[in-house]
Amino acid sequence: MTEDRLREEIAALGRSMYERGLTHGSTGNISARCADGWLLTPTGSSLGRLDPARIAKLDWNGKLLAGDPPSKENFLHLAMYEERPQNGAVIHLHATHSVAVSVLADTNPEDALPPLTAYYVMRIGSLPMVPYYAPGDMALADAVRKLASRHHAVLLANHGPVVSGTTLAAAADAMEELEATAKLHLLLRGEETRLLNAEQIADLKRRFPQ
């Protein structure tokens, strides 16, 4: 895929997510690998109104090569790419239901969401929660990096999810599945639930390796 086409796809995805309420204001950021670096949505930008030509292009040291200054959370994306060279895109959102799960006192930091559906297990697997760090704190990148080699999705405490995928479409599918499961989890709080058991989860992981 050409860089111009990838820029257009990032802008189209951002607009779609914004219009469906998966992001708001100037929150969230999207990135993707290109032939000679990587693209990242600009700092302070609304995902609903991205100009493809102004999306930042960086090298693998984080140096800006073209476009507007990148999101200040660029280090989250870089940490994912460094630990997951097989992945081609990273999405970070402040999606409402995922953030709600990240602030609950009883959220399991080892696995923030239960295995409610087959598609959640197939697209996310397990979801560790990274302890709270202030936005822009470089210690957050180190915390994400420690988990990224084993998990393509993490939940930042009191902040939101970071999800990587082999392609932009794969990362988007996984992010949307995570947010839908977070919503389902919140709707079911207080209700008796029937989770997928260990045998069912193992079967799904065998059939659909991540």
Foldseek 3Di string as FASTA:
>chain_A
DALLVVLVVQLVVLLVCDVVQQADQQWKKKKFDDDAFIWIAAARHRSNDGDSQQTFGAHLVRHTDHHHHHHLQVLQVSLLCVLCVLFTMKIWHQGPLQLVLLADPPQDQFFRFFQQDLVLCLLFNGEHEFEEDPPNPCVSSVSSNVCNNPGQKYAYRNGTIMGTHSGRVSRVVNRVSSSVRSVVRVVCVVHDGDHDDPVRSVVSCVVRPD
